Amino acid sequence: MSALKSHDERIAALTFASVYPHYIAKVEKKGRTLEELHLLIEWLTGFDKEKLRELIDKKVTFEVFFELANLNSNVHLIKGMICGYRIEEIENPLTQKVRYLDKLVDELAKGRKMDKILRA
């Protein structure tokens, strides 16, 4: 099994609930708000706060999380490097979707304006 395939399988098995607190800590440490985080998650996935809470409570994996998501039509505009990988070159669709979310959270934490993060 290749290291990349193993990496993709680990991402698929991770629960969103296990990573979500890290997203919160990252953005709040940089002076951004939980509301802003929820706005970007909703923009990417279509999940409102209630649905997000439900998915967290159910401890769904990233695989299920993104199966249920209705990705924004402008998701193709999310480009650049995240975790050492160029997002637009990631071949595994699930890994790419998780990295889209990671990239948006990074942009929020770095102080980028919301209209830029949401590709408005």
PDB file of N, CA and C in Angstrom:
ATOM      1  N   MET A   1       0.851  -1.181   0.000  1.00  0.00           N
ATOM      2  CA  MET A   1       0.000   0.000   0.000  1.00  0.00           C
ATOM      3  C   MET A   1       0.894   1.242   0.000  1.00  0.00           C
ATOM      4  N   SER A   2       0.611   2.159  -0.868  1.00  0.00           N
ATOM      5  CA  SER A   2       1.420   3.365  -0.948  1.00  0.00           C
ATOM      6  C   SER A   2       1.125   4.295   0.216  1.00  0.00           C
ATOM      7  N   ALA A   3       2.084   5.154   0.517  1.00  0.00           N
ATOM      8  CA  ALA A   3       1.906   6.120   1.601  1.00  0.00           C
ATOM      9  C   ALA A   3       0.750   7.062   1.294  1.00  0.00           C
ATOM     10  N   LEU A   4       0.592   7.428   0.027  1.00  0.00           N
ATOM     11  CA  LEU A   4      -0.482   8.344  -0.358  1.00  0.00           C
ATOM     12  C   LEU A   4      -1.851   7.692  -0.173  1.00  0.00           C
ATOM     13  N   LYS A   5      -1.974   6.424  -0.556  1.00  0.00           N
ATOM     14  CA  LYS A   5      -3.245   5.719  -0.387  1.00  0.00           C
ATOM     15  C   LYS A   5      -3.579   5.586   1.091  1.00  0.00           C
ATOM     16  N   SER A   6      -2.577   5.283   1.888  1.00  0.00           N
ATOM     17  CA  SER A   6      -2.766   5.180   3.340  1.00  0.00           C
ATOM     18  C   SER A   6      -3.228   6.518   3.909  1.00  0.00           C
ATOM     19  N   HIS A   7      -2.633   7.596   3.441  1.00  0.00           N
ATOM     20  CA  HIS A   7      -3.002   8.950   3.868  1.00  0.00           C
ATOM     21  C   HIS A   7      -4.469   9.234   3.527  1.00  0.00           C
ATOM     22  N   ASP A   8      -4.886   8.899   2.305  1.00  0.00           N
ATOM     23  CA  ASP A   8      -6.268   9.111   1.874  1.00  0.00           C
ATOM     24  C   ASP A   8      -7.241   8.302   2.729  1.00  0.00           C
ATOM     25  N   GLU A   9      -6.865   7.077   3.071  1.00  0.00           N
ATOM     26  CA  GLU A   9      -7.727   6.225   3.897  1.00  0.00           C
ATOM     27  C   GLU A   9      -7.860   6.772   5.316  1.00  0.00           C
ATOM     28  N   ARG A  10      -6.777   7.315   5.854  1.00  0.00           N
ATOM     29  CA  ARG A  10      -6.838   7.908   7.196  1.00  0.00           C
ATOM     30  C   ARG A  10      -7.760   9.121   7.200  1.00  0.00           C
ATOM     31  N   ILE A  11      -7.675   9.942   6.180  1.00  0.00           N
ATOM     32  CA  ILE A  11      -8.544  11.125   6.080  1.00  0.00           C
ATOM     33  C   ILE A  11     -10.006  10.684   6.001  1.00  0.00           C
ATOM     34  N   ALA A  12     -10.297   9.668   5.204  1.00  0.00           N
ATOM     35  CA  ALA A  12     -11.675   9.185   5.056  1.00  0.00           C
ATOM     36  C   ALA A  12     -12.240   8.693   6.379  1.00  0.00           C
ATOM     37  N   ALA A  13     -11.384   8.102   7.214  1.00  0.00           N
ATOM     38  CA  ALA A  13     -11.839   7.513   8.476  1.00  0.00           C
ATOM     39  C   ALA A  13     -11.917   8.522   9.626  1.00  0.00           C
ATOM     40  N   LEU A  14     -11.270   9.674   9.483  1.00  0.00           N
ATOM     41  CA  LEU A  14     -11.331  10.696  10.534  1.00  0.00           C
ATOM     42  C   LEU A  14     -12.757  11.203  10.700  1.00  0.00           C
ATOM     43  N   THR A  15     -13.149  11.470  11.923  1.00  0.00           N
ATOM     44  CA  THR A  15     -14.463  12.069  12.121  1.00  0.00           C
ATOM     45  C   THR A  15     -14.334  13.584  12.047  1.00  0.00           C
ATOM     46  N   PHE A  16     -15.358  14.199  11.487  1.00  0.00           N
ATOM     47  CA  PHE A  16     -15.377  15.655  11.444  1.00  0.00           C
ATOM     48  C   PHE A  16     -15.340  16.210  12.866  1.00  0.00           C
ATOM     49  N   ALA A  17     -16.049  15.553  13.777  1.00  0.00           N
ATOM     50  CA  ALA A  17     -16.116  15.999  15.179  1.00  0.00           C
ATOM     51  C   ALA A  17     -14.744  16.045  15.837  1.00  0.00           C
ATOM     52  N   SER A  18     -13.819  15.192  15.409  1.00  0.00           N
ATOM     53  CA  SER A  18     -12.484  15.181  16.015  1.00  0.00           C
ATOM     54  C   SER A  18     -11.619  16.345  15.526  1.00  0.00           C
ATOM     55  N   VAL A  19     -11.922  16.870  14.349  1.00  0.00           N
ATOM     56  CA  VAL A  19     -11.126  17.948  13.758  1.00  0.00           C
ATOM     57  C   VAL A  19     -11.752  19.316  14.017  1.00  0.00           C
ATOM     58  N   TYR A  20     -13.061  19.363  14.127  1.00  0.00           N
ATOM     59  CA  TYR A  20     -13.795  20.618  14.304  1.00  0.00           C
ATOM     60  C   TYR A  20     -13.263  21.480  15.452  1.00  0.00           C
ATOM     61  N   PRO A  21     -12.978  20.922  16.639  1.00  0.00           N
ATOM     62  CA  PRO A  21     -12.426  21.773  17.714  1.00  0.00           C
ATOM     63  C   PRO A  21     -11.101  22.426  17.340  1.00  0.00           C
ATOM     64  N   HIS A  22     -10.330  21.759  16.498  1.00  0.00           N
ATOM     65  CA  HIS A  22      -9.050  22.338  16.049  1.00  0.00           C
ATOM     66  C   HIS A  22      -9.295  23.520  15.109  1.00  0.00           C
ATOM     67  N   TYR A  23     -10.313  23.402  14.268  1.00  0.00           N
ATOM     68  CA  TYR A  23     -10.689  24.520  13.410  1.00  0.00           C
ATOM     69  C   TYR A  23     -11.099  25.725  14.268  1.00  0.00           C
ATOM     70  N   ILE A  24     -11.927  25.471  15.276  1.00  0.00           N
ATOM     71  CA  ILE A  24     -12.380  26.547  16.160  1.00  0.00           C
ATOM     72  C   ILE A  24     -11.189  27.211  16.844  1.00  0.00           C
ATOM     73  N   ALA A  25     -10.317  26.400  17.430  1.00  0.00           N
ATOM     74  CA  ALA A  25      -9.155  26.932  18.149  1.00  0.00           C
ATOM     75  C   ALA A  25      -8.271  27.759  17.210  1.00  0.00           C
ATOM     76  N   LYS A  26      -8.073  27.262  16.014  1.00  0.00           N
ATOM     77  CA  LYS A  26      -7.201  27.950  15.049  1.00  0.00           C
ATOM     78  C   LYS A  26      -7.733  29.334  14.702  1.00  0.00           C
ATOM     79  N   VAL A  27      -9.028  29.421  14.395  1.00  0.00           N
ATOM     80  CA  VAL A  27      -9.564  30.718  13.972  1.00  0.00           C
ATOM     81  C   VAL A  27      -9.727  31.674  15.153  1.00  0.00           C
ATOM     82  N   GLU A  28     -10.143  31.146  16.309  1.00  0.00           N
ATOM     83  CA  GLU A  28     -10.325  32.029  17.468  1.00  0.00           C
ATOM     84  C   GLU A  28      -8.993  32.546  17.990  1.00  0.00           C
ATOM     85  N   LYS A  29      -7.949  31.731  17.898  1.00  0.00           N
ATOM     86  CA  LYS A  29      -6.614  32.162  18.333  1.00  0.00           C
ATOM     87  C   LYS A  29      -6.136  33.368  17.512  1.00  0.00           C
ATOM     88  N   LYS A  30      -6.619  33.441  16.285  1.00  0.00           N
ATOM     89  CA  LYS A  30      -6.228  34.536  15.390  1.00  0.00           C
ATOM     90  C   LYS A  30      -7.244  35.669  15.362  1.00  0.00           C
ATOM     91  N   GLY A  31      -8.198  35.646  16.322  1.00  0.00           N
ATOM     92  CA  GLY A  31      -9.141  36.749  16.437  1.00  0.00           C
ATOM     93  C   GLY A  31     -10.356  36.667  15.542  1.00  0.00           C
ATOM     94  N   ARG A  32     -10.568  35.524  14.910  1.00  0.00           N
ATOM     95  CA  ARG A  32     -11.760  35.349  14.084  1.00  0.00           C
ATOM     96  C   ARG A  32     -12.842  34.669  14.920  1.00  0.00           C
ATOM     97  N   THR A  33     -14.067  34.628  14.396  1.00  0.00           N
ATOM     98  CA  THR A  33     -15.188  34.158  15.206  1.00  0.00           C
ATOM     99  C   THR A  33     -15.717  32.799  14.746  1.00  0.00           C
ATOM    100  N   LEU A  34     -16.448  32.173  15.665  1.00  0.00           N
ATOM    101  CA  LEU A  34     -17.119  30.913  15.361  1.00  0.00           C
ATOM    102  C   LEU A  34     -18.150  31.131  14.258  1.00  0.00           C
ATOM    103  N   GLU A  35     -18.806  32.287  14.271  1.00  0.00           N
ATOM    104  CA  GLU A  35     -19.795  32.595  13.232  1.00  0.00           C
ATOM    105  C   GLU A  35     -19.140  32.638  11.851  1.00  0.00           C
ATOM    106  N   GLU A  36     -17.947  33.205  11.771  1.00  0.00           N
ATOM    107  CA  GLU A  36     -17.234  33.246  10.493  1.00  0.00           C
ATOM    108  C   GLU A  36     -16.863  31.831  10.036  1.00  0.00           C
ATOM    109  N   LEU A  37     -16.429  31.005  10.977  1.00  0.00           N
ATOM    110  CA  LEU A  37     -16.106  29.616  10.652  1.00  0.00           C
ATOM    111  C   LEU A  37     -17.344  28.906  10.116  1.00  0.00           C
ATOM    112  N   HIS A  38     -18.478  29.079  10.798  1.00  0.00           N
ATOM    113  CA  HIS A  38     -19.713  28.436  10.347  1.00  0.00           C
ATOM    114  C   HIS A  38     -20.138  28.947   8.973  1.00  0.00           C
ATOM    115  N   LEU A  39     -19.926  30.226   8.721  1.00  0.00           N
ATOM    116  CA  LEU A  39     -20.269  30.795   7.421  1.00  0.00           C
ATOM    117  C   LEU A  39     -19.464  30.129   6.306  1.00  0.00           C
ATOM    118  N   LEU A  40     -18.167  29.937   6.521  1.00  0.00           N
ATOM    119  CA  LEU A  40     -17.369  29.335   5.456  1.00  0.00           C
ATOM    120  C   LEU A  40     -17.681  27.848   5.297  1.00  0.00           C
ATOM    121  N   ILE A  41     -17.996  27.156   6.400  1.00  0.00           N
ATOM    122  CA  ILE A  41     -18.387  25.747   6.288  1.00  0.00           C
ATOM    123  C   ILE A  41     -19.710  25.632   5.529  1.00  0.00           C
ATOM    124  N   GLU A  42     -20.645  26.534   5.837  1.00  0.00           N
ATOM    125  CA  GLU A  42     -21.920  26.512   5.128  1.00  0.00           C
ATOM    126  C   GLU A  42     -21.734  26.846   3.651  1.00  0.00           C
ATOM    127  N   TRP A  43     -20.861  27.794   3.343  1.00  0.00           N
ATOM    128  CA  TRP A  43     -20.600  28.151   1.945  1.00  0.00           C
ATOM    129  C   TRP A  43     -20.059  26.935   1.200  1.00  0.00           C
ATOM    130  N   LEU A  44     -19.128  26.221   1.810  1.00  0.00           N
ATOM    131  CA  LEU A  44     -18.495  25.077   1.151  1.00  0.00           C
ATOM    132  C   LEU A  44     -19.445  23.885   1.029  1.00  0.00           C
ATOM    133  N   THR A  45     -20.169  23.566   2.112  1.00  0.00           N
ATOM    134  CA  THR A  45     -20.900  22.299   2.187  1.00  0.00           C
ATOM    135  C   THR A  45     -22.420  22.417   2.062  1.00  0.00           C
ATOM    136  N   GLY A  46     -22.947  23.600   2.357  1.00  0.00           N
ATOM    137  CA  GLY A  46     -24.389  23.771   2.404  1.00  0.00           C
ATOM    138  C   GLY A  46     -24.984  23.447   3.768  1.00  0.00           C
ATOM    139  N   PHE A  47     -24.157  23.038   4.734  1.00  0.00           N
ATOM    140  CA  PHE A  47     -24.660  22.676   6.064  1.00  0.00           C
ATOM    141  C   PHE A  47     -24.857  23.918   6.926  1.00  0.00           C
ATOM    142  N   ASP A  48     -26.099  24.127   7.403  1.00  0.00           N
ATOM    143  CA  ASP A  48     -26.331  25.208   8.356  1.00  0.00           C
ATOM    144  C   ASP A  48     -25.879  24.743   9.743  1.00  0.00           C
ATOM    145  N   LYS A  49     -25.983  25.632  10.742  1.00  0.00           N
ATOM    146  CA  LYS A  49     -25.498  25.307  12.094  1.00  0.00           C
ATOM    147  C   LYS A  49     -26.170  24.063  12.665  1.00  0.00           C
ATOM    148  N   GLU A  50     -27.467  23.929  12.433  1.00  0.00           N
ATOM    149  CA  GLU A  50     -28.204  22.787  12.977  1.00  0.00           C
ATOM    150  C   GLU A  50     -27.730  21.470  12.361  1.00  0.00           C
ATOM    151  N   LYS A  51     -27.579  21.453  11.047  1.00  0.00           N
ATOM    152  CA  LYS A  51     -27.115  20.241  10.373  1.00  0.00           C
ATOM    153  C   LYS A  51     -25.676  19.928  10.788  1.00  0.00           C
ATOM    154  N   LEU A  52     -24.865  20.950  10.909  1.00  0.00           N
ATOM    155  CA  LEU A  52     -23.479  20.755  11.338  1.00  0.00           C
ATOM    156  C   LEU A  52     -23.443  20.132  12.731  1.00  0.00           C
ATOM    157  N   ARG A  53     -24.265  20.650  13.645  1.00  0.00           N
ATOM    158  CA  ARG A  53     -24.337  20.098  15.005  1.00  0.00           C
ATOM    159  C   ARG A  53     -24.766  18.637  14.971  1.00  0.00           C
ATOM    160  N   GLU A  54     -25.752  18.330  14.129  1.00  0.00           N
ATOM    161  CA  GLU A  54     -26.238  16.949  13.994  1.00  0.00           C
ATOM    162  C   GLU A  54     -25.112  16.015  13.534  1.00  0.00           C
ATOM    163  N   LEU A  55     -24.354  16.446  12.537  1.00  0.00           N
ATOM    164  CA  LEU A  55     -23.260  15.628  12.009  1.00  0.00           C
ATOM    165  C   LEU A  55     -22.148  15.454  13.042  1.00  0.00           C
ATOM    166  N   ILE A  56     -21.895  16.495  13.814  1.00  0.00           N
ATOM    167  CA  ILE A  56     -20.893  16.409  14.880  1.00  0.00           C
ATOM    168  C   ILE A  56     -21.365  15.427  15.944  1.00  0.00           C
ATOM    169  N   ASP A  57     -22.620  15.545  16.350  1.00  0.00           N
ATOM    170  CA  ASP A  57     -23.173  14.648  17.373  1.00  0.00           C
ATOM    171  C   ASP A  57     -23.159  13.187  16.918  1.00  0.00           C
ATOM    172  N   LYS A  58     -23.381  12.964  15.630  1.00  0.00           N
ATOM    173  CA  LYS A  58     -23.368  11.596  15.087  1.00  0.00           C
ATOM    174  C   LYS A  58     -21.946  11.077  14.859  1.00  0.00           C
ATOM    175  N   LYS A  59     -20.969  11.972  14.994  1.00  0.00           N
ATOM    176  CA  LYS A  59     -19.565  11.614  14.781  1.00  0.00           C
ATOM    177  C   LYS A  59     -19.328  10.971  13.404  1.00  0.00           C
ATOM    178  N   VAL A  60     -19.859  11.640  12.376  1.00  0.00           N
ATOM    179  CA  VAL A  60     -19.677  11.128  11.014  1.00  0.00           C
ATOM    180  C   VAL A  60     -18.229  11.292  10.575  1.00  0.00           C
ATOM    181  N   THR A  61     -17.789  10.383   9.726  1.00  0.00           N
ATOM    182  CA  THR A  61     -16.451  10.479   9.151  1.00  0.00           C
ATOM    183  C   THR A  61     -16.440  11.572   8.091  1.00  0.00           C
ATOM    184  N   PHE A  62     -15.244  11.992   7.699  1.00  0.00           N
ATOM    185  CA  PHE A  62     -15.148  12.960   6.605  1.00  0.00           C
ATOM    186  C   PHE A  62     -15.762  12.386   5.332  1.00  0.00           C
ATOM    187  N   GLU A  63     -15.648  11.078   5.158  1.00  0.00           N
ATOM    188  CA  GLU A  63     -16.231  10.452   3.974  1.00  0.00           C
ATOM    189  C   GLU A  63     -17.743  10.686   3.939  1.00  0.00           C
ATOM    190  N   VAL A  64     -18.425  10.417   5.037  1.00  0.00           N
ATOM    191  CA  VAL A  64     -19.878  10.624   5.116  1.00  0.00           C
ATOM    192  C   VAL A  64     -20.197  12.116   5.066  1.00  0.00           C
ATOM    193  N   PHE A  65     -19.414  12.920   5.779  1.00  0.00           N
ATOM    194  CA  PHE A  65     -19.607  14.371   5.814  1.00  0.00           C
ATOM    195  C   PHE A  65     -19.687  14.939   4.398  1.00  0.00           C
ATOM    196  N   PHE A  66     -18.716  14.557   3.565  1.00  0.00           N
ATOM    197  CA  PHE A  66     -18.692  15.114   2.213  1.00  0.00           C
ATOM    198  C   PHE A  66     -19.640  14.398   1.248  1.00  0.00           C
ATOM    199  N   GLU A  67     -20.046  13.158   1.562  1.00  0.00           N
ATOM    200  CA  GLU A  67     -21.086  12.507   0.767  1.00  0.00           C
ATOM    201  C   GLU A  67     -22.410  13.255   0.915  1.00  0.00           C
ATOM    202  N   LEU A  68     -22.658  13.761   2.119  1.00  0.00           N
ATOM    203  CA  LEU A  68     -23.901  14.478   2.404  1.00  0.00           C
ATOM    204  C   LEU A  68     -23.859  15.945   1.971  1.00  0.00           C
ATOM    205  N   ALA A  69     -22.663  16.455   1.750  1.00  0.00           N
ATOM    206  CA  ALA A  69     -22.498  17.874   1.427  1.00  0.00           C
ATOM    207  C   ALA A  69     -22.969  18.181   0.010  1.00  0.00           C
ATOM    208  N   ASN A  70     -23.413  19.418  -0.151  1.00  0.00           N
ATOM    209  CA  ASN A  70     -23.746  19.960  -1.464  1.00  0.00           C
ATOM    210  C   ASN A  70     -22.696  21.041  -1.734  1.00  0.00           C
ATOM    211  N   LEU A  71     -21.586  20.650  -2.356  1.00  0.00           N
ATOM    212  CA  LEU A  71     -20.468  21.572  -2.521  1.00  0.00           C
ATOM    213  C   LEU A  71     -20.847  22.792  -3.342  1.00  0.00           C
ATOM    214  N   ASN A  72     -20.302  23.916  -2.935  1.00  0.00           N
ATOM    215  CA  ASN A  72     -20.532  25.177  -3.623  1.00  0.00           C
ATOM    216  C   ASN A  72     -20.022  25.078  -5.061  1.00  0.00           C
ATOM    217  N   SER A  73     -20.732  25.688  -5.971  1.00  0.00           N
ATOM    218  CA  SER A  73     -20.348  25.625  -7.391  1.00  0.00           C
ATOM    219  C   SER A  73     -19.031  26.343  -7.686  1.00  0.00           C
ATOM    220  N   ASN A  74     -18.584  27.208  -6.759  1.00  0.00           N
ATOM    221  CA  ASN A  74     -17.318  27.919  -6.962  1.00  0.00           C
ATOM    222  C   ASN A  74     -16.141  27.248  -6.270  1.00  0.00           C
ATOM    223  N   VAL A  75     -16.322  26.011  -5.835  1.00  0.00           N
ATOM    224  CA  VAL A  75     -15.251  25.312  -5.115  1.00  0.00           C
ATOM    225  C   VAL A  75     -13.989  25.186  -5.983  1.00  0.00           C
ATOM    226  N   HIS A  76     -14.169  25.145  -7.290  1.00  0.00           N
ATOM    227  CA  HIS A  76     -13.011  25.037  -8.193  1.00  0.00           C
ATOM    228  C   HIS A  76     -12.094  26.269  -8.114  1.00  0.00           C
ATOM    229  N   LEU A  77     -12.578  27.342  -7.523  1.00  0.00           N
ATOM    230  CA  LEU A  77     -11.764  28.556  -7.388  1.00  0.00           C
ATOM    231  C   LEU A  77     -10.803  28.487  -6.193  1.00  0.00           C
ATOM    232  N   ILE A  78     -10.941  27.470  -5.354  1.00  0.00           N
ATOM    233  CA  ILE A  78     -10.036  27.299  -4.210  1.00  0.00           C
ATOM    234  C   ILE A  78      -8.770  26.641  -4.736  1.00  0.00           C
ATOM    235  N   LYS A  79      -7.686  27.396  -4.687  1.00  0.00           N
ATOM    236  CA  LYS A  79      -6.408  26.913  -5.233  1.00  0.00           C
ATOM    237  C   LYS A  79      -5.294  27.256  -4.268  1.00  0.00           C
ATOM    238  N   GLY A  80      -4.153  26.674  -4.514  1.00  0.00           N
ATOM    239  CA  GLY A  80      -2.984  26.986  -3.702  1.00  0.00           C
ATOM    240  C   GLY A  80      -2.466  25.774  -2.952  1.00  0.00           C
ATOM    241  N   MET A  81      -1.551  26.041  -2.032  1.00  0.00           N
ATOM    242  CA  MET A  81      -0.889  24.980  -1.280  1.00  0.00           C
ATOM    243  C   MET A  81      -1.533  24.824   0.094  1.00  0.00           C
ATOM    244  N   ILE A  82      -1.665  23.559   0.511  1.00  0.00           N
ATOM    245  CA  ILE A  82      -2.118  23.240   1.860  1.00  0.00           C
ATOM    246  C   ILE A  82      -1.456  21.924   2.251  1.00  0.00           C
ATOM    247  N   CYS A  83      -0.844  21.921   3.412  1.00  0.00           N
ATOM    248  CA  CYS A  83      -0.178  20.721   3.936  1.00  0.00           C
ATOM    249  C   CYS A  83       0.828  20.146   2.933  1.00  0.00           C
ATOM    250  N   GLY A  84       1.480  21.018   2.189  1.00  0.00           N
ATOM    251  CA  GLY A  84       2.502  20.583   1.242  1.00  0.00           C
ATOM    252  C   GLY A  84       1.979  20.092  -0.094  1.00  0.00           C
ATOM    253  N   TYR A  85       0.689  20.198  -0.328  1.00  0.00           N
ATOM    254  CA  TYR A  85       0.088  19.734  -1.576  1.00  0.00           C
ATOM    255  C   TYR A  85      -0.615  20.884  -2.275  1.00  0.00           C
ATOM    256  N   ARG A  86      -0.523  20.907  -3.592  1.00  0.00           N
ATOM    257  CA  ARG A  86      -1.274  21.868  -4.382  1.00  0.00           C
ATOM    258  C   ARG A  86      -2.686  21.305  -4.521  1.00  0.00           C
ATOM    259  N   ILE A  87      -3.673  22.039  -4.019  1.00  0.00           N
ATOM    260  CA  ILE A  87      -5.051  21.551  -3.944  1.00  0.00           C
ATOM    261  C   ILE A  87      -5.579  21.082  -5.295  1.00  0.00           C
ATOM    262  N   GLU A  88      -5.339  21.854  -6.311  1.00  0.00           N
ATOM    263  CA  GLU A  88      -5.895  21.520  -7.619  1.00  0.00           C
ATOM    264  C   GLU A  88      -5.256  20.281  -8.243  1.00  0.00           C
ATOM    265  N   GLU A  89      -4.160  19.776  -7.656  1.00  0.00           N
ATOM    266  CA  GLU A  89      -3.495  18.579  -8.178  1.00  0.00           C
ATOM    267  C   GLU A  89      -3.786  17.323  -7.353  1.00  0.00           C
ATOM    268  N   ILE A  90      -4.545  17.444  -6.283  1.00  0.00           N
ATOM    269  CA  ILE A  90      -4.878  16.277  -5.455  1.00  0.00           C
ATOM    270  C   ILE A  90      -5.829  15.387  -6.236  1.00  0.00           C
ATOM    271  N   GLU A  91      -5.460  14.117  -6.402  1.00  0.00           N
ATOM    272  CA  GLU A  91      -6.232  13.207  -7.241  1.00  0.00           C
ATOM    273  C   GLU A  91      -7.420  12.573  -6.515  1.00  0.00           C
ATOM    274  N   ASN A  92      -7.285  12.296  -5.226  1.00  0.00           N
ATOM    275  CA  ASN A  92      -8.372  11.661  -4.490  1.00  0.00           C
ATOM    276  C   ASN A  92      -9.448  12.708  -4.201  1.00  0.00           C
ATOM    277  N   PRO A  93     -10.668  12.512  -4.695  1.00  0.00           N
ATOM    278  CA  PRO A  93     -11.715  13.531  -4.531  1.00  0.00           C
ATOM    279  C   PRO A  93     -12.030  13.875  -3.073  1.00  0.00           C
ATOM    280  N   LEU A  94     -12.067  12.879  -2.196  1.00  0.00           N
ATOM    281  CA  LEU A  94     -12.364  13.157  -0.791  1.00  0.00           C
ATOM    282  C   LEU A  94     -11.244  13.952  -0.148  1.00  0.00           C
ATOM    283  N   THR A  95     -10.021  13.542  -0.375  1.00  0.00           N
ATOM    284  CA  THR A  95      -8.883  14.273   0.184  1.00  0.00           C
ATOM    285  C   THR A  95      -8.890  15.714  -0.311  1.00  0.00           C
ATOM    286  N   GLN A  96      -9.217  15.910  -1.571  1.00  0.00           N
ATOM    287  CA  GLN A  96      -9.278  17.260  -2.128  1.00  0.00           C
ATOM    288  C   GLN A  96     -10.348  18.088  -1.419  1.00  0.00           C
ATOM    289  N   LYS A  97     -11.501  17.502  -1.142  1.00  0.00           N
ATOM    290  CA  LYS A  97     -12.579  18.231  -0.463  1.00  0.00           C
ATOM    291  C   LYS A  97     -12.176  18.612   0.960  1.00  0.00           C
ATOM    292  N   VAL A  98     -11.520  17.693   1.657  1.00  0.00           N
ATOM    293  CA  VAL A  98     -11.045  17.995   3.013  1.00  0.00           C
ATOM    294  C   VAL A  98     -10.023  19.121   2.961  1.00  0.00           C
ATOM    295  N   ARG A  99      -9.161  19.088   1.968  1.00  0.00           N
ATOM    296  CA  ARG A  99      -8.153  20.149   1.833  1.00  0.00           C
ATOM    297  C   ARG A  99      -8.771  21.479   1.427  1.00  0.00           C
ATOM    298  N   TYR A 100      -9.883  21.455   0.705  1.00  0.00           N
ATOM    299  CA  TYR A 100     -10.615  22.699   0.443  1.00  0.00           C
ATOM    300  C   TYR A 100     -11.011  23.338   1.768  1.00  0.00           C
ATOM    301  N   LEU A 101     -11.574  22.533   2.651  1.00  0.00           N
ATOM    302  CA  LEU A 101     -11.993  23.037   3.953  1.00  0.00           C
ATOM    303  C   LEU A 101     -10.795  23.537   4.747  1.00  0.00           C
ATOM    304  N   ASP A 102      -9.723  22.775   4.752  1.00  0.00           N
ATOM    305  CA  ASP A 102      -8.509  23.198   5.457  1.00  0.00           C
ATOM    306  C   ASP A 102      -8.004  24.543   4.926  1.00  0.00           C
ATOM    307  N   LYS A 103      -8.024  24.698   3.620  1.00  0.00           N
ATOM    308  CA  LYS A 103      -7.551  25.935   2.993  1.00  0.00           C
ATOM    309  C   LYS A 103      -8.415  27.124   3.406  1.00  0.00           C
ATOM    310  N   LEU A 104      -9.736  26.943   3.416  1.00  0.00           N
ATOM    311  CA  LEU A 104     -10.626  28.026   3.825  1.00  0.00           C
ATOM    312  C   LEU A 104     -10.390  28.415   5.283  1.00  0.00           C
ATOM    313  N   VAL A 105     -10.213  27.415   6.143  1.00  0.00           N
ATOM    314  CA  VAL A 105      -9.939  27.686   7.558  1.00  0.00           C
ATOM    315  C   VAL A 105      -8.610  28.428   7.700  1.00  0.00           C
ATOM    316  N   ASP A 106      -7.597  28.018   6.952  1.00  0.00           N
ATOM    317  CA  ASP A 106      -6.308  28.721   6.983  1.00  0.00           C
ATOM    318  C   ASP A 106      -6.447  30.165   6.543  1.00  0.00           C
ATOM    319  N   GLU A 107      -7.194  30.396   5.473  1.00  0.00           N
ATOM    320  CA  GLU A 107      -7.389  31.762   4.978  1.00  0.00           C
ATOM    321  C   GLU A 107      -8.094  32.617   6.023  1.00  0.00           C
ATOM    322  N   LEU A 108      -9.089  32.048   6.704  1.00  0.00           N
ATOM    323  CA  LEU A 108      -9.794  32.765   7.757  1.00  0.00           C
ATOM    324  C   LEU A 108      -8.835  33.113   8.887  1.00  0.00           C
ATOM    325  N   ALA A 109      -8.051  32.146   9.315  1.00  0.00           N
ATOM    326  CA  ALA A 109      -7.103  32.362  10.410  1.00  0.00           C
ATOM    327  C   ALA A 109      -6.024  33.376  10.044  1.00  0.00           C
ATOM    328  N   LYS A 110      -5.688  33.460   8.773  1.00  0.00           N
ATOM    329  CA  LYS A 110      -4.653  34.401   8.331  1.00  0.00           C
ATOM    330  C   LYS A 110      -5.187  35.815   8.132  1.00  0.00           C
ATOM    331  N   GLY A 111      -6.499  36.004   8.385  1.00  0.00           N
ATOM    332  CA  GLY A 111      -7.059  37.345   8.313  1.00  0.00           C
ATOM    333  C   GLY A 111      -7.597  37.770   6.963  1.00  0.00           C
ATOM    334  N   ARG A 112      -7.705  36.838   6.047  1.00  0.00           N
ATOM    335  CA  ARG A 112      -8.242  37.182   4.730  1.00  0.00           C
ATOM    336  C   ARG A 112      -9.703  37.619   4.877  1.00  0.00           C
ATOM    337  N   LYS A 113     -10.119  38.557   4.054  1.00  0.00           N
ATOM    338  CA  LYS A 113     -11.494  39.054   4.096  1.00  0.00           C
ATOM    339  C   LYS A 113     -12.468  37.965   3.657  1.00  0.00           C
ATOM    340  N   MET A 114     -13.652  37.949   4.308  1.00  0.00           N
ATOM    341  CA  MET A 114     -14.641  36.907   4.029  1.00  0.00           C
ATOM    342  C   MET A 114     -15.065  36.862   2.573  1.00  0.00           C
ATOM    343  N   ASP A 115     -15.216  38.018   1.922  1.00  0.00           N
ATOM    344  CA  ASP A 115     -15.646  37.971   0.516  1.00  0.00           C
ATOM    345  C   ASP A 115     -14.596  37.311  -0.359  1.00  0.00           C
ATOM    346  N   LYS A 116     -13.334  37.415   0.003  1.00  0.00           N
ATOM    347  CA  LYS A 116     -12.260  36.743  -0.733  1.00  0.00           C
ATOM    348  C   LYS A 116     -12.274  35.236  -0.429  1.00  0.00           C
ATOM    349  N   ILE A 117     -12.461  34.884   0.851  1.00  0.00           N
ATOM    350  CA  ILE A 117     -12.494  33.478   1.255  1.00  0.00           C
ATOM    351  C   ILE A 117     -13.641  32.770   0.550  1.00  0.00           C
ATOM    352  N   LEU A 118     -14.787  33.443   0.462  1.00  0.00           N
ATOM    353  CA  LEU A 118     -15.977  32.848  -0.136  1.00  0.00           C
ATOM    354  C   LEU A 118     -16.029  33.022  -1.655  1.00  0.00           C
ATOM    355  N   ARG A 119     -14.930  33.468  -2.210  1.00  0.00           N
ATOM    356  CA  ARG A 119     -14.776  33.610  -3.660  1.00  0.00           C
ATOM    357  C   ARG A 119     -15.928  34.402  -4.273  1.00  0.00           C
ATOM    358  N   ALA A 120     -16.254  35.528  -3.602  1.00  0.00           N
ATOM    359  CA  ALA A 120     -17.359  36.386  -4.075  1.00  0.00           C
ATOM    360  C   ALA A 120     -16.899  37.298  -5.181  1.00  0.00           C
TER     361      ALA A 120
END
